[in-house]
N, C-alpha and C. Protein backbone atom coordinates (compact mmCIF):
# COMPACT_ATOMS: atom_id res chain seq x y z
N UNK A 1 -6.01 -22.72 15.07
CA UNK A 1 -5.87 -21.79 13.96
C UNK A 1 -7.03 -20.81 14.00
N UNK A 2 -6.72 -19.52 13.92
CA UNK A 2 -7.77 -18.51 13.98
C UNK A 2 -8.36 -18.28 12.60
N UNK A 3 -9.62 -17.90 12.60
CA UNK A 3 -10.30 -17.70 11.32
C UNK A 3 -9.88 -16.37 10.70
N UNK A 4 -9.90 -16.34 9.40
CA UNK A 4 -9.58 -15.14 8.63
C UNK A 4 -10.84 -14.69 7.93
N UNK A 5 -11.15 -13.40 8.02
CA UNK A 5 -12.26 -12.86 7.26
C UNK A 5 -11.93 -11.42 6.86
N UNK A 6 -12.64 -10.94 5.85
CA UNK A 6 -12.47 -9.58 5.36
C UNK A 6 -13.80 -8.87 5.52
N UNK A 7 -13.72 -7.63 5.97
CA UNK A 7 -14.92 -6.81 6.17
C UNK A 7 -14.60 -5.36 5.80
N UNK A 8 -15.66 -4.55 5.59
CA UNK A 8 -15.40 -3.13 5.37
C UNK A 8 -14.69 -2.53 6.59
N UNK A 9 -13.75 -1.64 6.33
CA UNK A 9 -13.03 -1.00 7.43
C UNK A 9 -13.96 -0.07 8.20
N UNK A 10 -13.66 0.09 9.46
CA UNK A 10 -14.40 0.99 10.35
C UNK A 10 -13.44 2.03 10.89
N UNK A 11 -14.00 3.13 11.37
CA UNK A 11 -13.16 4.20 11.92
C UNK A 11 -12.27 3.69 13.05
N UNK A 12 -12.76 2.73 13.81
CA UNK A 12 -11.96 2.20 14.92
C UNK A 12 -10.77 1.37 14.45
N UNK A 13 -10.74 1.02 13.16
CA UNK A 13 -9.61 0.27 12.58
C UNK A 13 -8.44 1.18 12.21
N UNK A 14 -8.67 2.48 12.16
CA UNK A 14 -7.64 3.39 11.65
C UNK A 14 -6.30 3.24 12.37
N UNK A 15 -6.24 3.17 13.71
CA UNK A 15 -4.92 3.00 14.35
C UNK A 15 -4.19 1.73 13.89
N UNK A 16 -4.91 0.62 13.75
CA UNK A 16 -4.30 -0.63 13.29
C UNK A 16 -3.81 -0.51 11.85
N UNK A 17 -4.60 0.13 11.01
CA UNK A 17 -4.23 0.29 9.61
C UNK A 17 -3.01 1.21 9.49
N UNK A 18 -3.00 2.29 10.27
CA UNK A 18 -1.83 3.19 10.27
C UNK A 18 -0.58 2.41 10.66
N UNK A 19 -0.69 1.55 11.66
CA UNK A 19 0.47 0.76 12.11
C UNK A 19 0.95 -0.18 11.01
N UNK A 20 0.03 -0.80 10.27
CA UNK A 20 0.40 -1.70 9.17
C UNK A 20 1.12 -0.92 8.07
N UNK A 21 0.58 0.24 7.72
CA UNK A 21 1.18 1.05 6.65
C UNK A 21 2.52 1.62 7.12
N UNK A 22 2.61 2.03 8.38
CA UNK A 22 3.89 2.55 8.91
C UNK A 22 4.96 1.46 8.88
N UNK A 23 4.58 0.24 9.23
CA UNK A 23 5.55 -0.87 9.19
C UNK A 23 5.98 -1.15 7.75
N UNK A 24 5.04 -1.13 6.84
CA UNK A 24 5.38 -1.34 5.43
C UNK A 24 6.31 -0.25 4.92
N UNK A 25 6.05 0.98 5.34
CA UNK A 25 6.91 2.10 4.93
C UNK A 25 8.34 1.90 5.45
N UNK A 26 8.46 1.46 6.68
CA UNK A 26 9.79 1.23 7.28
C UNK A 26 10.59 0.19 6.51
N UNK A 27 9.89 -0.73 5.85
CA UNK A 27 10.55 -1.81 5.11
C UNK A 27 10.66 -1.52 3.62
N UNK A 28 10.17 -0.37 3.17
CA UNK A 28 10.17 -0.05 1.75
C UNK A 28 11.43 0.70 1.33
N UNK A 29 11.60 0.86 0.04
CA UNK A 29 12.74 1.63 -0.47
C UNK A 29 12.67 3.09 -0.02
N UNK A 30 11.50 3.56 0.40
CA UNK A 30 11.31 4.95 0.81
C UNK A 30 11.35 5.14 2.33
N UNK A 31 11.94 4.20 3.03
CA UNK A 31 11.96 4.23 4.49
C UNK A 31 12.58 5.50 5.06
N UNK A 32 13.47 6.15 4.32
CA UNK A 32 14.10 7.37 4.82
C UNK A 32 13.31 8.63 4.50
N UNK A 33 12.21 8.48 3.80
CA UNK A 33 11.37 9.63 3.46
C UNK A 33 10.32 9.86 4.54
N UNK A 34 10.20 11.09 4.97
CA UNK A 34 9.18 11.45 5.97
C UNK A 34 7.79 11.30 5.36
N UNK A 35 6.83 10.99 6.18
CA UNK A 35 5.46 10.89 5.72
C UNK A 35 4.55 11.50 6.78
N UNK A 36 3.34 11.80 6.40
CA UNK A 36 2.41 12.53 7.26
C UNK A 36 1.29 11.60 7.74
N UNK A 37 1.33 11.26 9.02
CA UNK A 37 0.30 10.38 9.58
C UNK A 37 -1.08 11.02 9.48
N UNK A 38 -1.14 12.33 9.66
CA UNK A 38 -2.43 13.03 9.56
C UNK A 38 -3.05 12.89 8.18
N UNK A 39 -2.24 13.01 7.14
CA UNK A 39 -2.73 12.85 5.77
C UNK A 39 -3.22 11.42 5.54
N UNK A 40 -2.46 10.45 6.04
CA UNK A 40 -2.88 9.05 5.92
C UNK A 40 -4.23 8.85 6.60
N UNK A 41 -4.39 9.37 7.80
CA UNK A 41 -5.67 9.22 8.51
C UNK A 41 -6.81 9.88 7.74
N UNK A 42 -6.54 11.01 7.10
CA UNK A 42 -7.57 11.67 6.28
C UNK A 42 -7.97 10.79 5.11
N UNK A 43 -6.98 10.21 4.43
CA UNK A 43 -7.27 9.30 3.31
C UNK A 43 -8.12 8.12 3.79
N UNK A 44 -7.75 7.55 4.94
CA UNK A 44 -8.49 6.41 5.47
C UNK A 44 -9.90 6.80 5.88
N UNK A 45 -10.05 7.93 6.58
CA UNK A 45 -11.39 8.39 6.98
C UNK A 45 -12.27 8.61 5.76
N UNK A 46 -11.71 9.27 4.73
CA UNK A 46 -12.50 9.53 3.52
C UNK A 46 -12.92 8.23 2.82
N UNK A 47 -12.00 7.28 2.73
CA UNK A 47 -12.34 6.01 2.08
C UNK A 47 -13.42 5.27 2.88
N UNK A 48 -13.31 5.28 4.19
CA UNK A 48 -14.31 4.61 5.03
C UNK A 48 -15.67 5.30 4.88
N UNK A 49 -15.68 6.63 4.88
CA UNK A 49 -16.94 7.37 4.72
C UNK A 49 -17.57 7.13 3.36
N UNK A 50 -16.74 7.06 2.32
CA UNK A 50 -17.23 6.92 0.94
C UNK A 50 -17.54 5.48 0.57
N UNK A 51 -17.09 4.53 1.35
CA UNK A 51 -17.31 3.11 1.05
C UNK A 51 -18.82 2.85 1.03
N UNK A 52 -19.29 2.35 -0.09
CA UNK A 52 -20.71 2.01 -0.19
C UNK A 52 -21.62 3.17 -0.52
N UNK A 53 -21.09 4.38 -0.54
CA UNK A 53 -21.90 5.55 -0.88
C UNK A 53 -21.49 6.02 -2.26
N UNK A 54 -22.24 5.64 -3.27
CA UNK A 54 -21.88 5.99 -4.63
C UNK A 54 -20.74 5.16 -5.17
N UNK A 55 -20.25 4.26 -4.35
CA UNK A 55 -19.22 3.30 -4.74
C UNK A 55 -17.95 3.96 -5.28
N UNK A 56 -17.64 5.18 -4.87
CA UNK A 56 -16.44 5.84 -5.41
C UNK A 56 -15.16 5.44 -4.70
N UNK A 57 -15.28 4.73 -3.58
CA UNK A 57 -14.09 4.28 -2.85
C UNK A 57 -14.45 3.06 -2.04
N UNK A 58 -13.43 2.33 -1.63
CA UNK A 58 -13.65 1.20 -0.73
C UNK A 58 -12.48 1.11 0.24
N UNK A 59 -12.75 0.51 1.36
CA UNK A 59 -11.72 0.25 2.37
C UNK A 59 -12.11 -1.05 3.06
N UNK A 60 -11.26 -2.06 2.91
CA UNK A 60 -11.49 -3.36 3.53
C UNK A 60 -10.30 -3.71 4.42
N UNK A 61 -10.60 -4.43 5.49
CA UNK A 61 -9.53 -4.96 6.34
C UNK A 61 -9.68 -6.47 6.44
N UNK A 62 -8.53 -7.14 6.56
CA UNK A 62 -8.50 -8.57 6.84
C UNK A 62 -8.31 -8.70 8.35
N UNK A 63 -9.08 -9.58 8.96
CA UNK A 63 -9.03 -9.78 10.40
C UNK A 63 -8.75 -11.25 10.68
N UNK A 64 -7.80 -11.49 11.57
CA UNK A 64 -7.47 -12.85 11.99
C UNK A 64 -7.19 -12.83 13.49
N UNK A 65 -7.80 -13.76 14.20
CA UNK A 65 -7.59 -13.81 15.65
C UNK A 65 -8.01 -12.54 16.36
N UNK A 66 -8.99 -11.84 15.81
CA UNK A 66 -9.47 -10.61 16.42
C UNK A 66 -8.64 -9.38 16.12
N UNK A 67 -7.58 -9.52 15.31
CA UNK A 67 -6.71 -8.39 14.98
C UNK A 67 -6.74 -8.08 13.50
N UNK A 68 -6.63 -6.80 13.17
CA UNK A 68 -6.51 -6.38 11.78
C UNK A 68 -5.12 -6.77 11.29
N UNK A 69 -5.06 -7.55 10.21
CA UNK A 69 -3.78 -8.03 9.69
C UNK A 69 -3.50 -7.57 8.27
N UNK A 70 -4.42 -6.82 7.67
CA UNK A 70 -4.20 -6.34 6.32
C UNK A 70 -5.25 -5.32 5.93
N UNK A 71 -4.95 -4.59 4.86
CA UNK A 71 -5.85 -3.53 4.38
C UNK A 71 -5.73 -3.38 2.88
N UNK A 72 -6.85 -3.05 2.27
CA UNK A 72 -6.84 -2.57 0.89
C UNK A 72 -7.79 -1.38 0.83
N UNK A 73 -7.28 -0.29 0.27
CA UNK A 73 -8.08 0.91 0.04
C UNK A 73 -8.07 1.14 -1.46
N UNK A 74 -9.24 1.31 -2.03
CA UNK A 74 -9.35 1.51 -3.46
C UNK A 74 -10.20 2.71 -3.80
N UNK A 75 -9.99 3.24 -4.99
CA UNK A 75 -10.76 4.37 -5.48
C UNK A 75 -11.07 4.16 -6.96
N UNK A 76 -12.01 4.93 -7.43
CA UNK A 76 -12.29 4.99 -8.86
C UNK A 76 -11.53 6.17 -9.43
N UNK A 77 -11.03 6.01 -10.64
CA UNK A 77 -10.33 7.09 -11.31
C UNK A 77 -10.73 7.05 -12.78
N UNK A 78 -10.30 8.03 -13.53
CA UNK A 78 -10.61 8.13 -14.96
C UNK A 78 -9.30 8.03 -15.74
N UNK A 79 -9.30 7.28 -16.83
CA UNK A 79 -8.12 7.22 -17.68
C UNK A 79 -7.76 8.63 -18.12
N UNK A 80 -6.52 8.99 -17.91
CA UNK A 80 -6.00 10.32 -18.25
C UNK A 80 -6.79 11.44 -17.57
N UNK A 81 -7.62 11.09 -16.60
CA UNK A 81 -8.45 12.08 -15.93
C UNK A 81 -9.65 12.53 -16.73
N UNK A 82 -9.86 11.95 -17.92
CA UNK A 82 -10.93 12.45 -18.79
C UNK A 82 -11.89 11.40 -19.32
N UNK A 83 -11.62 10.12 -19.09
CA UNK A 83 -12.50 9.10 -19.66
C UNK A 83 -13.88 9.17 -19.01
N UNK A 84 -14.88 8.78 -19.75
CA UNK A 84 -16.25 8.75 -19.23
C UNK A 84 -16.39 7.64 -18.21
N UNK A 85 -15.92 6.45 -18.57
CA UNK A 85 -16.03 5.30 -17.68
C UNK A 85 -14.81 5.20 -16.77
N UNK A 86 -15.02 4.76 -15.54
CA UNK A 86 -13.92 4.71 -14.58
C UNK A 86 -13.16 3.39 -14.61
N UNK A 87 -12.02 3.40 -13.94
CA UNK A 87 -11.32 2.17 -13.60
C UNK A 87 -11.13 2.18 -12.08
N UNK A 88 -10.90 1.02 -11.51
CA UNK A 88 -10.67 0.89 -10.07
C UNK A 88 -9.18 0.68 -9.84
N UNK A 89 -8.66 1.31 -8.82
CA UNK A 89 -7.24 1.16 -8.50
C UNK A 89 -7.05 1.15 -6.99
N UNK A 90 -5.95 0.55 -6.57
CA UNK A 90 -5.64 0.50 -5.15
C UNK A 90 -4.81 1.72 -4.76
N UNK A 91 -5.05 2.22 -3.56
CA UNK A 91 -4.25 3.29 -2.98
C UNK A 91 -3.25 2.67 -2.01
N UNK A 92 -3.75 1.78 -1.17
CA UNK A 92 -2.93 1.01 -0.23
C UNK A 92 -3.37 -0.45 -0.28
N UNK A 93 -2.41 -1.35 -0.27
CA UNK A 93 -2.70 -2.78 -0.22
C UNK A 93 -1.52 -3.42 0.50
N UNK A 94 -1.69 -3.69 1.78
CA UNK A 94 -0.61 -4.25 2.60
C UNK A 94 -1.16 -5.25 3.60
N UNK A 95 -0.33 -6.20 3.96
CA UNK A 95 -0.64 -7.10 5.07
C UNK A 95 0.53 -7.09 6.03
N UNK A 96 0.24 -7.45 7.27
CA UNK A 96 1.31 -7.60 8.26
C UNK A 96 2.24 -8.72 7.83
N UNK A 97 3.49 -8.67 8.28
CA UNK A 97 4.45 -9.72 7.94
C UNK A 97 3.97 -11.08 8.44
N UNK A 98 3.29 -11.12 9.57
CA UNK A 98 2.85 -12.39 10.14
C UNK A 98 1.38 -12.71 9.82
N UNK A 99 0.82 -12.02 8.84
CA UNK A 99 -0.58 -12.28 8.46
C UNK A 99 -0.71 -13.68 7.87
N UNK A 100 -1.86 -14.29 8.01
CA UNK A 100 -2.07 -15.59 7.38
C UNK A 100 -1.79 -15.51 5.88
N UNK A 101 -1.32 -16.58 5.32
CA UNK A 101 -0.91 -16.62 3.92
C UNK A 101 -2.02 -16.19 2.97
N UNK A 102 -3.26 -16.43 3.31
CA UNK A 102 -4.38 -16.13 2.41
C UNK A 102 -4.95 -14.73 2.60
N UNK A 103 -4.36 -13.93 3.49
CA UNK A 103 -4.92 -12.61 3.78
C UNK A 103 -4.92 -11.70 2.55
N UNK A 104 -3.80 -11.64 1.83
CA UNK A 104 -3.73 -10.77 0.65
C UNK A 104 -4.74 -11.20 -0.41
N UNK A 105 -4.84 -12.50 -0.67
CA UNK A 105 -5.79 -13.00 -1.67
C UNK A 105 -7.22 -12.70 -1.24
N UNK A 106 -7.52 -12.82 0.05
CA UNK A 106 -8.87 -12.54 0.54
C UNK A 106 -9.21 -11.06 0.37
N UNK A 107 -8.24 -10.18 0.64
CA UNK A 107 -8.46 -8.75 0.43
C UNK A 107 -8.67 -8.45 -1.05
N UNK A 108 -7.86 -9.05 -1.90
CA UNK A 108 -8.00 -8.84 -3.34
C UNK A 108 -9.37 -9.33 -3.83
N UNK A 109 -9.84 -10.47 -3.30
CA UNK A 109 -11.17 -10.96 -3.66
C UNK A 109 -12.23 -9.92 -3.37
N UNK A 110 -12.17 -9.33 -2.17
CA UNK A 110 -13.18 -8.36 -1.77
C UNK A 110 -13.09 -7.11 -2.63
N UNK A 111 -11.87 -6.67 -2.93
CA UNK A 111 -11.67 -5.51 -3.79
C UNK A 111 -12.26 -5.77 -5.18
N UNK A 112 -12.03 -6.96 -5.71
CA UNK A 112 -12.58 -7.31 -7.03
C UNK A 112 -14.10 -7.32 -7.01
N UNK A 113 -14.69 -7.84 -5.92
CA UNK A 113 -16.16 -7.84 -5.83
C UNK A 113 -16.69 -6.43 -5.82
N UNK A 114 -16.03 -5.54 -5.06
CA UNK A 114 -16.43 -4.13 -5.05
C UNK A 114 -16.32 -3.56 -6.46
N UNK A 115 -15.20 -3.79 -7.14
CA UNK A 115 -14.98 -3.24 -8.47
C UNK A 115 -16.03 -3.76 -9.46
N UNK A 116 -16.38 -5.04 -9.36
CA UNK A 116 -17.37 -5.62 -10.28
C UNK A 116 -18.74 -4.98 -10.12
N UNK A 117 -18.98 -4.33 -8.98
CA UNK A 117 -20.28 -3.70 -8.75
C UNK A 117 -20.38 -2.31 -9.39
N UNK A 118 -19.30 -1.83 -9.97
CA UNK A 118 -19.27 -0.49 -10.56
C UNK A 118 -19.76 -0.58 -12.00
N UNK A 119 -20.84 0.14 -12.32
CA UNK A 119 -21.34 0.10 -13.71
C UNK A 119 -20.30 0.66 -14.68
N UNK A 120 -20.18 0.01 -15.82
CA UNK A 120 -19.31 0.46 -16.91
C UNK A 120 -17.83 0.58 -16.53
N UNK A 121 -17.40 -0.19 -15.55
CA UNK A 121 -15.99 -0.18 -15.15
C UNK A 121 -15.13 -0.68 -16.30
N UNK A 122 -14.06 0.05 -16.62
CA UNK A 122 -13.16 -0.35 -17.70
C UNK A 122 -12.29 -1.52 -17.27
N UNK A 123 -11.66 -1.38 -16.11
CA UNK A 123 -10.72 -2.40 -15.65
C UNK A 123 -10.32 -2.12 -14.22
N UNK A 124 -9.60 -3.08 -13.65
CA UNK A 124 -8.92 -2.90 -12.37
C UNK A 124 -7.45 -2.70 -12.69
N UNK A 125 -6.86 -1.66 -12.12
CA UNK A 125 -5.43 -1.37 -12.29
C UNK A 125 -4.78 -1.42 -10.91
N UNK A 126 -3.82 -2.30 -10.74
CA UNK A 126 -3.13 -2.44 -9.46
C UNK A 126 -1.68 -1.98 -9.60
N UNK A 127 -1.25 -1.15 -8.67
CA UNK A 127 0.13 -0.70 -8.66
C UNK A 127 1.03 -1.75 -8.02
N UNK A 128 2.21 -1.92 -8.58
CA UNK A 128 3.14 -2.90 -8.01
C UNK A 128 4.56 -2.47 -8.37
N UNK A 129 5.09 -1.55 -7.57
CA UNK A 129 6.42 -1.01 -7.82
C UNK A 129 7.36 -1.43 -6.70
N UNK A 130 8.60 -1.01 -6.82
CA UNK A 130 9.59 -1.28 -5.79
C UNK A 130 9.28 -0.62 -4.46
N UNK A 131 8.30 0.28 -4.44
CA UNK A 131 7.89 0.89 -3.17
C UNK A 131 7.15 -0.13 -2.31
N UNK A 132 6.58 -1.14 -2.95
CA UNK A 132 5.87 -2.20 -2.24
C UNK A 132 6.92 -3.19 -1.71
N UNK A 133 6.84 -3.47 -0.44
CA UNK A 133 7.86 -4.30 0.20
C UNK A 133 8.00 -5.65 -0.48
N UNK A 134 6.91 -6.34 -0.68
CA UNK A 134 6.94 -7.68 -1.28
C UNK A 134 6.39 -7.63 -2.71
N UNK A 135 6.93 -6.74 -3.53
CA UNK A 135 6.36 -6.55 -4.85
C UNK A 135 6.48 -7.79 -5.74
N UNK A 136 7.50 -8.60 -5.55
CA UNK A 136 7.61 -9.83 -6.35
C UNK A 136 6.49 -10.79 -5.95
N UNK A 137 6.27 -10.92 -4.66
CA UNK A 137 5.19 -11.78 -4.16
C UNK A 137 3.83 -11.25 -4.61
N UNK A 138 3.65 -9.92 -4.55
CA UNK A 138 2.39 -9.32 -5.01
C UNK A 138 2.19 -9.59 -6.49
N UNK A 139 3.26 -9.43 -7.26
CA UNK A 139 3.17 -9.69 -8.70
C UNK A 139 2.77 -11.11 -9.00
N UNK A 140 3.28 -12.05 -8.22
CA UNK A 140 2.91 -13.47 -8.41
C UNK A 140 1.42 -13.68 -8.14
N UNK A 141 0.91 -13.02 -7.10
CA UNK A 141 -0.53 -13.11 -6.79
C UNK A 141 -1.33 -12.56 -7.97
N UNK A 142 -0.94 -11.40 -8.48
CA UNK A 142 -1.66 -10.80 -9.60
C UNK A 142 -1.60 -11.69 -10.84
N UNK A 143 -0.43 -12.28 -11.10
CA UNK A 143 -0.31 -13.20 -12.24
C UNK A 143 -1.27 -14.38 -12.08
N UNK A 144 -1.29 -14.97 -10.90
CA UNK A 144 -2.18 -16.12 -10.65
C UNK A 144 -3.64 -15.75 -10.81
N UNK A 145 -3.98 -14.50 -10.54
CA UNK A 145 -5.36 -14.05 -10.60
C UNK A 145 -5.76 -13.55 -11.98
N UNK A 146 -4.85 -13.64 -12.97
CA UNK A 146 -5.20 -13.28 -14.33
C UNK A 146 -4.95 -11.84 -14.72
N UNK A 147 -4.24 -11.11 -13.91
CA UNK A 147 -3.89 -9.73 -14.27
C UNK A 147 -2.75 -9.74 -15.28
N UNK A 148 -2.75 -8.76 -16.17
CA UNK A 148 -1.69 -8.61 -17.17
C UNK A 148 -0.75 -7.48 -16.76
N UNK A 149 0.52 -7.66 -17.04
CA UNK A 149 1.47 -6.57 -16.81
C UNK A 149 1.23 -5.53 -17.89
N UNK A 150 1.28 -4.27 -17.49
CA UNK A 150 0.91 -3.18 -18.40
C UNK A 150 1.97 -2.08 -18.32
N UNK A 151 2.98 -2.18 -19.17
CA UNK A 151 4.00 -1.14 -19.21
C UNK A 151 4.96 -1.22 -18.03
N UNK A 152 5.60 -0.11 -17.76
CA UNK A 152 6.59 -0.02 -16.69
C UNK A 152 6.49 1.34 -16.02
N UNK A 153 6.94 1.40 -14.79
CA UNK A 153 7.20 2.67 -14.13
C UNK A 153 8.70 2.90 -14.23
N UNK A 154 9.08 4.11 -14.51
CA UNK A 154 10.49 4.49 -14.50
C UNK A 154 10.67 5.52 -13.41
N UNK A 155 11.79 5.45 -12.72
CA UNK A 155 12.05 6.42 -11.66
C UNK A 155 13.46 6.93 -11.77
N UNK A 156 13.63 8.14 -11.30
CA UNK A 156 14.95 8.76 -11.24
C UNK A 156 15.01 9.53 -9.93
N UNK A 157 15.83 9.05 -9.00
CA UNK A 157 15.90 9.66 -7.68
C UNK A 157 16.41 11.09 -7.76
N UNK A 158 15.83 11.97 -6.99
CA UNK A 158 16.22 13.37 -6.94
C UNK A 158 16.88 13.73 -5.61
N UNK A 159 16.93 12.80 -4.70
CA UNK A 159 17.56 13.05 -3.38
C UNK A 159 18.54 11.96 -3.08
């Protein structure tokens, strides 16, 4: 059995992370929607550069058997764009289909540790919609970790 660990993402991880997100997209409700790999790489580069600098973003990868098997990218945001104190939220949170069972929980642990280091943080807000491939499984993880459900997202397809 190979060991699982989580570490800050590095620029050399970007191809692996892109592959994980591309696979997740192929399995999501939005699989028929085009997406921009260049924009994704920009988001990842910015999160990696900003990780640990002013704590405005984080990017962690889960590694097992020498391979990247999961990612969480988080940012700070403001309630309604105007609150004084920030909240932490995920931008991307995915694991490979064959990732070790504890990979998602390990990534969430690291994200929570990062968030706890933010002075005056209001809360952690995690997205969990039908766009997420395993959103029921993700929701169960969040429930077990003490997160509360907060409202609903409503959608109306335009295409």
